[in-house]
Amino acid sequence: MQAAHQVARYDPDRPGTYHLSILSTPGAQAWCVHDTSDGACLAIHSDQGEALPAQDVLPKDAVSVTFIGAPELSTLVPESALVPGSEMEHLTLVHGALPTGLMRDEPIEPIGARCVYLHDERTEHAILQRFPAARPLSLRGLLVQRAIDHGRSGAALILHRIGDRMDLAIADRGRLLLSNSYHVGGATDTLFHVLFAVEQVSMVPDRIKVYAGGPAWGQEEQYLLRRYLVDCAAAVPSDRMDLAALGVQAPERWLALFEQVACA
């Protein structure tokens, strides 16, 4: 997906003002900038290729930088079960043989666990070379945090679609009920796995609110899910004032980009 939007007040030379979020996916790169004073998104750029697009308007002195590489190999491990040096073992138990990459872990404090994940080494090196203080984030960790936030007053499911992959998390009243990844071949697969996940946590489709997004989230998936789930919404609302000012179409597709600032 290509995007090139920024508001007039965005000044990349202004120091100590912005948070920079980066999303790296196979064959495409994207970044966005949030004003740390009011939380507004002021710019988003995305394009095909291995290099960050629109590098001439990247913020020169961002307060903070985060990045996500997706899709990712990851798992959640209770803090009590994670012995230093055992990260690879936990990830292998879930995913089998692992490709070469950089092993990372981050705390998910609301559930007393750590997310162990693997980042592509070349991608991470390229980002850290440009932004040495950049902090890696896991997509699974982001989805878990957002599911817990959305599910404070009732059951919520948040899903992210990219390529042939769907990641989702379900939470209810501050408790994480499920976090999983699925191989999907299309909209029908997406619907099947969502309904299966809802059943796994002993819920029914009309008692859970679904928030959906990601680069591969489209009209067919939206149509099917809304037929079977009473409350299905975009993970990033299209009427958000700052995104409307930017002219961003289907902002839910940038879920893994726009929501990084909440985890910074």
C-alpha atoms as a PDB file:
ATOM      1  CA  MET A   1       0.000   0.000   0.000  1.00  0.00           C
ATOM      2  CA  GLN A   2       1.253   3.436  -0.926  1.00  0.00           C
ATOM      3  CA  ALA A   3       0.593   6.508   1.171  1.00  0.00           C
ATOM      4  CA  ALA A   4       2.000  10.024   1.299  1.00  0.00           C
ATOM      5  CA  HIS A   5       0.151  12.338   3.664  1.00  0.00           C
ATOM      6  CA  GLN A   6       1.283  15.104   6.001  1.00  0.00           C
ATOM      7  CA  VAL A   7      -0.352  18.174   7.466  1.00  0.00           C
ATOM      8  CA  ALA A   8       0.964  21.693   6.972  1.00  0.00           C
ATOM      9  CA  ARG A   9       2.105  22.099  10.592  1.00  0.00           C
ATOM     10  CA  TYR A  10       4.448  19.096  10.413  1.00  0.00           C
ATOM     11  CA  ASP A  11       8.046  20.342  10.492  1.00  0.00           C
ATOM     12  CA  PRO A  12      10.636  17.533  10.322  1.00  0.00           C
ATOM     13  CA  ASP A  13      13.344  19.934  11.538  1.00  0.00           C
ATOM     14  CA  ARG A  14      11.545  20.735  14.787  1.00  0.00           C
ATOM     15  CA  PRO A  15      13.470  19.005  17.615  1.00  0.00           C
ATOM     16  CA  GLY A  16      12.133  17.115  20.612  1.00  0.00           C
ATOM     17  CA  THR A  17       8.517  17.054  19.459  1.00  0.00           C
ATOM     18  CA  TYR A  18       7.684  13.837  17.641  1.00  0.00           C
ATOM     19  CA  HIS A  19       7.338  10.095  18.093  1.00  0.00           C
ATOM     20  CA  LEU A  20       8.308   8.123  14.992  1.00  0.00           C
ATOM     21  CA  SER A  21       6.675   4.731  14.344  1.00  0.00           C
ATOM     22  CA  ILE A  22       8.007   2.347  11.686  1.00  0.00           C
ATOM     23  CA  LEU A  23       6.354  -0.742  10.191  1.00  0.00           C
ATOM     24  CA  SER A  24       8.486  -3.103   8.115  1.00  0.00           C
ATOM     25  CA  THR A  25       6.772  -5.815   6.062  1.00  0.00           C
ATOM     26  CA  PRO A  26       8.078  -8.012   3.223  1.00  0.00           C
ATOM     27  CA  GLY A  27       8.645  -5.712   0.264  1.00  0.00           C
ATOM     28  CA  ALA A  28       7.118  -2.601   1.850  1.00  0.00           C
ATOM     29  CA  GLN A  29       8.034  -0.013   4.480  1.00  0.00           C
ATOM     30  CA  ALA A  30       5.926   2.595   6.271  1.00  0.00           C
ATOM     31  CA  TRP A  31       6.342   5.251   8.926  1.00  0.00           C
ATOM     32  CA  CYS A  32       4.207   7.799  10.707  1.00  0.00           C
ATOM     33  CA  VAL A  33       4.814  10.684  13.090  1.00  0.00           C
ATOM     34  CA  HIS A  34       2.782  11.652  16.161  1.00  0.00           C
ATOM     35  CA  ASP A  35       3.043  14.975  17.981  1.00  0.00           C
ATOM     36  CA  THR A  36       3.883  14.090  21.589  1.00  0.00           C
ATOM     37  CA  SER A  37       2.184  17.241  22.887  1.00  0.00           C
ATOM     38  CA  ASP A  38      -1.335  16.372  21.696  1.00  0.00           C
ATOM     39  CA  GLY A  39      -1.064  12.818  20.295  1.00  0.00           C
ATOM     40  CA  ALA A  40      -2.091  13.819  16.780  1.00  0.00           C
ATOM     41  CA  CYS A  41      -0.711  11.929  13.797  1.00  0.00           C
ATOM     42  CA  LEU A  42       0.901  14.507  11.520  1.00  0.00           C
ATOM     43  CA  ALA A  43       2.411  12.412   8.732  1.00  0.00           C
ATOM     44  CA  ILE A  44       2.340   8.952   7.173  1.00  0.00           C
ATOM     45  CA  HIS A  45       4.411   7.635   4.276  1.00  0.00           C
ATOM     46  CA  SER A  46       4.496   4.143   2.811  1.00  0.00           C
ATOM     47  CA  ASP A  47       5.865   2.541  -0.343  1.00  0.00           C
ATOM     48  CA  GLN A  48       7.183  -0.678  -1.832  1.00  0.00           C
ATOM     49  CA  GLY A  49      10.843  -1.571  -1.373  1.00  0.00           C
ATOM     50  CA  GLU A  50      13.380  -2.229   1.352  1.00  0.00           C
ATOM     51  CA  ALA A  51      14.174   1.383   2.275  1.00  0.00           C
ATOM     52  CA  LEU A  52      12.053   3.819   4.254  1.00  0.00           C
ATOM     53  CA  PRO A  53      10.099   6.093   1.903  1.00  0.00           C
ATOM     54  CA  ALA A  54      10.236   9.894   1.894  1.00  0.00           C
ATOM     55  CA  GLN A  55      13.462   9.977   3.880  1.00  0.00           C
ATOM     56  CA  ASP A  56      13.845  13.712   3.287  1.00  0.00           C
ATOM     57  CA  VAL A  57      10.851  14.410   5.543  1.00  0.00           C
ATOM     58  CA  LEU A  58      11.640  11.967   8.348  1.00  0.00           C
ATOM     59  CA  PRO A  59      11.861  13.811  11.695  1.00  0.00           C
ATOM     60  CA  LYS A  60      15.444  14.915  12.315  1.00  0.00           C
ATOM     61  CA  ASP A  61      15.326  14.652  16.118  1.00  0.00           C
ATOM     62  CA  ALA A  62      12.441  12.455  17.255  1.00  0.00           C
ATOM     63  CA  VAL A  63      11.827  12.136  20.996  1.00  0.00           C
ATOM     64  CA  SER A  64      11.311   8.399  20.573  1.00  0.00           C
ATOM     65  CA  VAL A  65      11.292   5.798  17.800  1.00  0.00           C
ATOM     66  CA  THR A  66       9.625   2.378  17.733  1.00  0.00           C
ATOM     67  CA  PHE A  67       9.361  -0.262  15.029  1.00  0.00           C
ATOM     68  CA  ILE A  68       7.519  -3.491  14.271  1.00  0.00           C
ATOM     69  CA  GLY A  69       8.454  -6.178  11.771  1.00  0.00           C
ATOM     70  CA  ALA A  70       5.468  -8.170  10.507  1.00  0.00           C
ATOM     71  CA  PRO A  71       4.579 -10.940  10.188  1.00  0.00           C
ATOM     72  CA  GLU A  72       6.568 -12.206  13.166  1.00  0.00           C
ATOM     73  CA  LEU A  73       7.270 -15.426  15.034  1.00  0.00           C
ATOM     74  CA  SER A  74       6.309 -14.892  18.659  1.00  0.00           C
ATOM     75  CA  THR A  75       4.823 -16.428  21.780  1.00  0.00           C
ATOM     76  CA  LEU A  76       3.786 -15.393  25.285  1.00  0.00           C
ATOM     77  CA  VAL A  77       5.626 -16.894  28.261  1.00  0.00           C
ATOM     78  CA  PRO A  78       4.689 -16.355  31.938  1.00  0.00           C
ATOM     79  CA  GLU A  79       7.400 -14.418  33.761  1.00  0.00           C
ATOM     80  CA  SER A  80       7.714 -17.276  36.257  1.00  0.00           C
ATOM     81  CA  ALA A  81       8.471 -19.773  33.476  1.00  0.00           C
ATOM     82  CA  LEU A  82      11.025 -17.711  31.546  1.00  0.00           C
ATOM     83  CA  VAL A  83      14.552 -18.632  32.591  1.00  0.00           C
ATOM     84  CA  PRO A  84      17.275 -16.424  31.040  1.00  0.00           C
ATOM     85  CA  GLY A  85      18.543 -18.161  27.928  1.00  0.00           C
ATOM     86  CA  SER A  86      15.412 -20.266  27.418  1.00  0.00           C
ATOM     87  CA  GLU A  87      13.740 -17.880  24.957  1.00  0.00           C
ATOM     88  CA  MET A  88      14.713 -19.913  21.888  1.00  0.00           C
ATOM     89  CA  GLU A  89      13.352 -23.096  23.473  1.00  0.00           C
ATOM     90  CA  HIS A  90       9.948 -21.536  24.137  1.00  0.00           C
ATOM     91  CA  LEU A  91       9.712 -20.141  20.611  1.00  0.00           C
ATOM     92  CA  THR A  92      10.774 -23.451  19.046  1.00  0.00           C
ATOM     93  CA  LEU A  93       8.120 -25.351  21.005  1.00  0.00           C
ATOM     94  CA  VAL A  94       5.467 -23.170  19.386  1.00  0.00           C
ATOM     95  CA  HIS A  95       6.825 -22.629  15.873  1.00  0.00           C
ATOM     96  CA  GLY A  96       9.229 -25.522  15.259  1.00  0.00           C
ATOM     97  CA  ALA A  97      12.460 -24.856  13.353  1.00  0.00           C
ATOM     98  CA  LEU A  98      13.255 -21.149  13.377  1.00  0.00           C
ATOM     99  CA  PRO A  99      14.896 -19.003  10.695  1.00  0.00           C
ATOM    100  CA  THR A 100      17.940 -16.881  11.482  1.00  0.00           C
ATOM    101  CA  GLY A 101      17.020 -13.688  13.282  1.00  0.00           C
ATOM    102  CA  LEU A 102      17.349 -11.542  16.382  1.00  0.00           C
ATOM    103  CA  MET A 103      15.646 -12.916  19.496  1.00  0.00           C
ATOM    104  CA  ARG A 104      13.804 -10.261  21.491  1.00  0.00           C
ATOM    105  CA  ASP A 105      11.471 -10.202  24.455  1.00  0.00           C
ATOM    106  CA  GLU A 106       9.322  -7.509  26.022  1.00  0.00           C
ATOM    107  CA  PRO A 107       7.192  -7.428  29.177  1.00  0.00           C
ATOM    108  CA  ILE A 108       3.402  -7.536  28.977  1.00  0.00           C
ATOM    109  CA  GLU A 109       2.817  -6.217  32.480  1.00  0.00           C
ATOM    110  CA  PRO A 110      -0.994  -6.502  32.690  1.00  0.00           C
ATOM    111  CA  ILE A 111      -0.771 -10.306  32.376  1.00  0.00           C
ATOM    112  CA  GLY A 112       2.594 -10.952  34.070  1.00  0.00           C
ATOM    113  CA  ALA A 113       4.158 -12.403  30.934  1.00  0.00           C
ATOM    114  CA  ARG A 114       6.811 -11.676  28.367  1.00  0.00           C
ATOM    115  CA  CYS A 115       6.399 -11.755  24.613  1.00  0.00           C
ATOM    116  CA  VAL A 116       9.318 -13.613  23.029  1.00  0.00           C
ATOM    117  CA  TYR A 117       9.701 -12.885  19.325  1.00  0.00           C
ATOM    118  CA  LEU A 118      12.074 -13.087  16.393  1.00  0.00           C
ATOM    119  CA  HIS A 119      12.973 -10.075  14.266  1.00  0.00           C
ATOM    120  CA  ASP A 120      14.539 -10.166  10.821  1.00  0.00           C
ATOM    121  CA  GLU A 121      18.188  -9.274  11.424  1.00  0.00           C
ATOM    122  CA  ARG A 122      18.718  -7.316   8.219  1.00  0.00           C
ATOM    123  CA  THR A 123      15.590  -5.224   8.728  1.00  0.00           C
ATOM    124  CA  GLU A 124      16.417  -4.418  12.337  1.00  0.00           C
ATOM    125  CA  HIS A 125      20.019  -3.550  11.474  1.00  0.00           C
ATOM    126  CA  ALA A 126      18.890  -1.101   8.783  1.00  0.00           C
ATOM    127  CA  ILE A 127      16.510   0.670  11.168  1.00  0.00           C
ATOM    128  CA  LEU A 128      18.962   0.811  14.077  1.00  0.00           C
ATOM    129  CA  GLN A 129      21.696   2.104  11.807  1.00  0.00           C
ATOM    130  CA  ARG A 130      19.493   5.101  10.987  1.00  0.00           C
ATOM    131  CA  PHE A 131      17.910   5.405  14.460  1.00  0.00           C
ATOM    132  CA  PRO A 132      20.262   3.871  17.087  1.00  0.00           C
ATOM    133  CA  ALA A 133      17.833   4.521  19.958  1.00  0.00           C
ATOM    134  CA  ALA A 134      14.856   2.909  18.195  1.00  0.00           C
ATOM    135  CA  ARG A 135      12.975   0.382  20.314  1.00  0.00           C
ATOM    136  CA  PRO A 136      11.644  -2.825  18.758  1.00  0.00           C
ATOM    137  CA  LEU A 137       8.074  -3.818  19.540  1.00  0.00           C
ATOM    138  CA  SER A 138       6.243  -7.072  18.939  1.00  0.00           C
ATOM    139  CA  LEU A 139       2.992  -7.158  17.007  1.00  0.00           C
ATOM    140  CA  ARG A 140       1.613  -9.767  19.412  1.00  0.00           C
ATOM    141  CA  GLY A 141       2.406  -7.553  22.386  1.00  0.00           C
ATOM    142  CA  LEU A 142       0.697  -4.587  20.741  1.00  0.00           C
ATOM    143  CA  LEU A 143      -2.447  -6.611  19.986  1.00  0.00           C
ATOM    144  CA  VAL A 144      -2.592  -8.004  23.524  1.00  0.00           C
ATOM    145  CA  GLN A 145      -2.305  -4.517  25.022  1.00  0.00           C
ATOM    146  CA  ARG A 146      -4.998  -3.142  22.719  1.00  0.00           C
ATOM    147  CA  ALA A 147      -7.334  -6.098  23.381  1.00  0.00           C
ATOM    148  CA  ILE A 148      -7.003  -5.523  27.130  1.00  0.00           C
ATOM    149  CA  ASP A 149      -7.672  -1.797  26.676  1.00  0.00           C
ATOM    150  CA  HIS A 150     -10.735  -2.405  24.477  1.00  0.00           C
ATOM    151  CA  GLY A 151     -11.993  -5.169  26.757  1.00  0.00           C
ATOM    152  CA  ARG A 152     -12.100  -3.294  30.055  1.00  0.00           C
ATOM    153  CA  SER A 153     -15.908  -3.214  30.131  1.00  0.00           C
ATOM    154  CA  GLY A 154     -16.680  -6.337  28.110  1.00  0.00           C
ATOM    155  CA  ALA A 155     -15.246  -8.955  25.778  1.00  0.00           C
ATOM    156  CA  ALA A 156     -13.168  -7.646  22.875  1.00  0.00           C
ATOM    157  CA  LEU A 157     -11.310  -9.319  20.023  1.00  0.00           C
ATOM    158  CA  ILE A 158      -8.688  -7.496  17.974  1.00  0.00           C
ATOM    159  CA  LEU A 159      -7.291  -8.988  14.786  1.00  0.00           C
ATOM    160  CA  HIS A 160      -4.548  -8.064  12.333  1.00  0.00           C
ATOM    161  CA  ARG A 161      -4.353  -9.447   8.783  1.00  0.00           C
ATOM    162  CA  ILE A 162      -1.174  -9.385   6.699  1.00  0.00           C
ATOM    163  CA  GLY A 163      -0.410 -11.660   3.757  1.00  0.00           C
ATOM    164  CA  ASP A 164      -1.615 -15.175   4.596  1.00  0.00           C
ATOM    165  CA  ARG A 165      -1.415 -14.527   8.320  1.00  0.00           C
ATOM    166  CA  MET A 166      -3.929 -13.460  10.947  1.00  0.00           C
ATOM    167  CA  ASP A 167      -2.970 -12.565  14.524  1.00  0.00           C
ATOM    168  CA  LEU A 168      -5.643 -12.009  17.127  1.00  0.00           C
ATOM    169  CA  ALA A 169      -6.121 -11.451  20.841  1.00  0.00           C
ATOM    170  CA  ILE A 170      -9.228 -11.712  23.014  1.00  0.00           C
ATOM    171  CA  ALA A 171      -9.634 -10.042  26.402  1.00  0.00           C
ATOM    172  CA  ASP A 172     -12.492  -9.532  28.824  1.00  0.00           C
ATOM    173  CA  ARG A 173     -12.568  -7.100  31.768  1.00  0.00           C
ATOM    174  CA  GLY A 174      -8.802  -6.792  31.989  1.00  0.00           C
ATOM    175  CA  ARG A 175      -8.038 -10.505  31.497  1.00  0.00           C
ATOM    176  CA  LEU A 176      -6.354 -11.910  28.412  1.00  0.00           C
ATOM    177  CA  LEU A 177      -8.288 -14.974  27.250  1.00  0.00           C
ATOM    178  CA  LEU A 178      -6.479 -15.874  24.020  1.00  0.00           C
ATOM    179  CA  SER A 179      -3.581 -14.769  21.834  1.00  0.00           C
ATOM    180  CA  ASN A 180      -2.922 -16.766  18.688  1.00  0.00           C
ATOM    181  CA  SER A 181      -1.824 -16.717  15.044  1.00  0.00           C
ATOM    182  CA  TYR A 182      -3.434 -18.487  12.096  1.00  0.00           C
ATOM    183  CA  HIS A 183      -2.657 -19.250   8.459  1.00  0.00           C
ATOM    184  CA  VAL A 184      -5.494 -17.881   6.333  1.00  0.00           C
ATOM    185  CA  GLY A 185      -6.099 -18.192   2.612  1.00  0.00           C
ATOM    186  CA  GLY A 186      -8.878 -15.643   2.351  1.00  0.00           C
ATOM    187  CA  ALA A 187     -11.995 -14.156   3.907  1.00  0.00           C
ATOM    188  CA  THR A 188     -13.651 -17.520   4.606  1.00  0.00           C
ATOM    189  CA  ASP A 189     -10.589 -18.715   6.535  1.00  0.00           C
ATOM    190  CA  THR A 190     -10.561 -15.466   8.476  1.00  0.00           C
ATOM    191  CA  LEU A 191     -14.192 -15.925   9.494  1.00  0.00           C
ATOM    192  CA  PHE A 192     -13.666 -19.584  10.436  1.00  0.00           C
ATOM    193  CA  HIS A 193     -10.706 -18.873  12.704  1.00  0.00           C
ATOM    194  CA  VAL A 194     -12.400 -15.888  14.354  1.00  0.00           C
ATOM    195  CA  LEU A 195     -15.502 -17.950  15.153  1.00  0.00           C
ATOM    196  CA  PHE A 196     -13.312 -20.824  16.347  1.00  0.00           C
ATOM    197  CA  ALA A 197     -11.340 -18.477  18.612  1.00  0.00           C
ATOM    198  CA  VAL A 198     -14.565 -17.083  20.080  1.00  0.00           C
ATOM    199  CA  GLU A 199     -15.769 -20.631  20.749  1.00  0.00           C
ATOM    200  CA  GLN A 200     -12.436 -21.544  22.358  1.00  0.00           C
ATOM    201  CA  VAL A 201     -12.960 -18.916  25.047  1.00  0.00           C
ATOM    202  CA  SER A 202     -16.538 -20.107  25.651  1.00  0.00           C
ATOM    203  CA  MET A 203     -18.189 -17.024  24.199  1.00  0.00           C
ATOM    204  CA  VAL A 204     -20.803 -16.449  21.526  1.00  0.00           C
ATOM    205  CA  PRO A 205     -20.452 -14.110  18.517  1.00  0.00           C
ATOM    206  CA  ASP A 206     -23.130 -11.666  19.667  1.00  0.00           C
ATOM    207  CA  ARG A 207     -21.418 -11.053  23.030  1.00  0.00           C
ATOM    208  CA  ILE A 208     -18.027  -9.913  21.788  1.00  0.00           C
ATOM    209  CA  LYS A 209     -16.866  -6.736  20.054  1.00  0.00           C
ATOM    210  CA  VAL A 210     -14.440  -7.235  17.174  1.00  0.00           C
ATOM    211  CA  TYR A 211     -11.833  -4.683  16.070  1.00  0.00           C
ATOM    212  CA  ALA A 212     -10.160  -5.544  12.763  1.00  0.00           C
ATOM    213  CA  GLY A 213      -7.330  -4.182  10.661  1.00  0.00           C
ATOM    214  CA  GLY A 214      -4.030  -4.829   8.918  1.00  0.00           C
ATOM    215  CA  PRO A 215      -2.755  -4.499   5.322  1.00  0.00           C
ATOM    216  CA  ALA A 216      -4.718  -7.562   4.125  1.00  0.00           C
ATOM    217  CA  TRP A 217      -7.975  -6.579   5.824  1.00  0.00           C
ATOM    218  CA  GLY A 218     -10.461  -5.804   3.057  1.00  0.00           C
ATOM    219  CA  GLN A 219     -14.106  -5.472   2.123  1.00  0.00           C
ATOM    220  CA  GLU A 220     -14.712  -9.214   1.692  1.00  0.00           C
ATOM    221  CA  GLU A 221     -13.467  -9.989   5.215  1.00  0.00           C
ATOM    222  CA  GLN A 222     -15.463  -7.083   6.571  1.00  0.00           C
ATOM    223  CA  TYR A 223     -18.656  -8.229   4.832  1.00  0.00           C
ATOM    224  CA  LEU A 224     -18.370 -11.817   6.087  1.00  0.00           C
ATOM    225  CA  LEU A 225     -17.518 -10.939   9.682  1.00  0.00           C
ATOM    226  CA  ARG A 226     -20.356  -8.431   9.912  1.00  0.00           C
ATOM    227  CA  ARG A 227     -22.796 -11.128   8.793  1.00  0.00           C
ATOM    228  CA  TYR A 228     -21.857 -13.399  11.686  1.00  0.00           C
ATOM    229  CA  LEU A 229     -20.693 -11.005  14.398  1.00  0.00           C
ATOM    230  CA  VAL A 230     -23.066  -8.365  15.676  1.00  0.00           C
ATOM    231  CA  ASP A 231     -20.418  -5.799  16.585  1.00  0.00           C
ATOM    232  CA  CYS A 232     -17.489  -5.603  14.156  1.00  0.00           C
ATOM    233  CA  ALA A 233     -15.624  -2.312  13.800  1.00  0.00           C
ATOM    234  CA  ALA A 234     -12.452  -0.928  12.280  1.00  0.00           C
ATOM    235  CA  ALA A 235      -9.510  -1.172  14.685  1.00  0.00           C
ATOM    236  CA  VAL A 236      -8.625   2.427  13.813  1.00  0.00           C
ATOM    237  CA  PRO A 237     -11.783   4.532  13.334  1.00  0.00           C
ATOM    238  CA  SER A 238     -12.017   6.443  10.067  1.00  0.00           C
ATOM    239  CA  ASP A 239     -13.579   9.454  11.811  1.00  0.00           C
ATOM    240  CA  ARG A 240     -10.544  10.101  14.017  1.00  0.00           C
ATOM    241  CA  MET A 241      -9.986  13.821  13.594  1.00  0.00           C
ATOM    242  CA  ASP A 242      -6.220  13.766  13.048  1.00  0.00           C
ATOM    243  CA  LEU A 243      -6.417  10.980  10.446  1.00  0.00           C
ATOM    244  CA  ALA A 244      -9.327  12.671   8.686  1.00  0.00           C
ATOM    245  CA  ALA A 245      -7.212  15.833   8.456  1.00  0.00           C
ATOM    246  CA  LEU A 246      -4.453  13.763   6.854  1.00  0.00           C
ATOM    247  CA  GLY A 247      -6.862  12.267   4.326  1.00  0.00           C
ATOM    248  CA  VAL A 248      -5.923   8.679   5.203  1.00  0.00           C
ATOM    249  CA  GLN A 249      -8.205   6.114   3.585  1.00  0.00           C
ATOM    250  CA  ALA A 250      -9.020   2.874   5.467  1.00  0.00           C
ATOM    251  CA  PRO A 251      -6.784   3.760   8.457  1.00  0.00           C
ATOM    252  CA  GLU A 252      -7.442   0.355  10.054  1.00  0.00           C
ATOM    253  CA  ARG A 253      -4.994  -1.121   7.559  1.00  0.00           C
ATOM    254  CA  TRP A 254      -2.272   0.787   9.422  1.00  0.00           C
ATOM    255  CA  LEU A 255      -3.229  -0.633  12.823  1.00  0.00           C
ATOM    256  CA  ALA A 256       0.317  -1.891  13.546  1.00  0.00           C
ATOM    257  CA  LEU A 257       1.697   1.550  12.694  1.00  0.00           C
ATOM    258  CA  PHE A 258      -0.728   3.999  14.313  1.00  0.00           C
ATOM    259  CA  GLU A 259      -0.994   2.085  17.610  1.00  0.00           C
ATOM    260  CA  GLN A 260       2.749   1.956  18.317  1.00  0.00           C
ATOM    261  CA  VAL A 261       2.700   5.358  19.968  1.00  0.00           C
ATOM    262  CA  ALA A 262       0.466   3.940  22.727  1.00  0.00           C
ATOM    263  CA  CYS A 263       3.223   1.427  23.567  1.00  0.00           C
ATOM    264  CA  ALA A 264       6.122   3.893  23.342  1.00  0.00           C
END
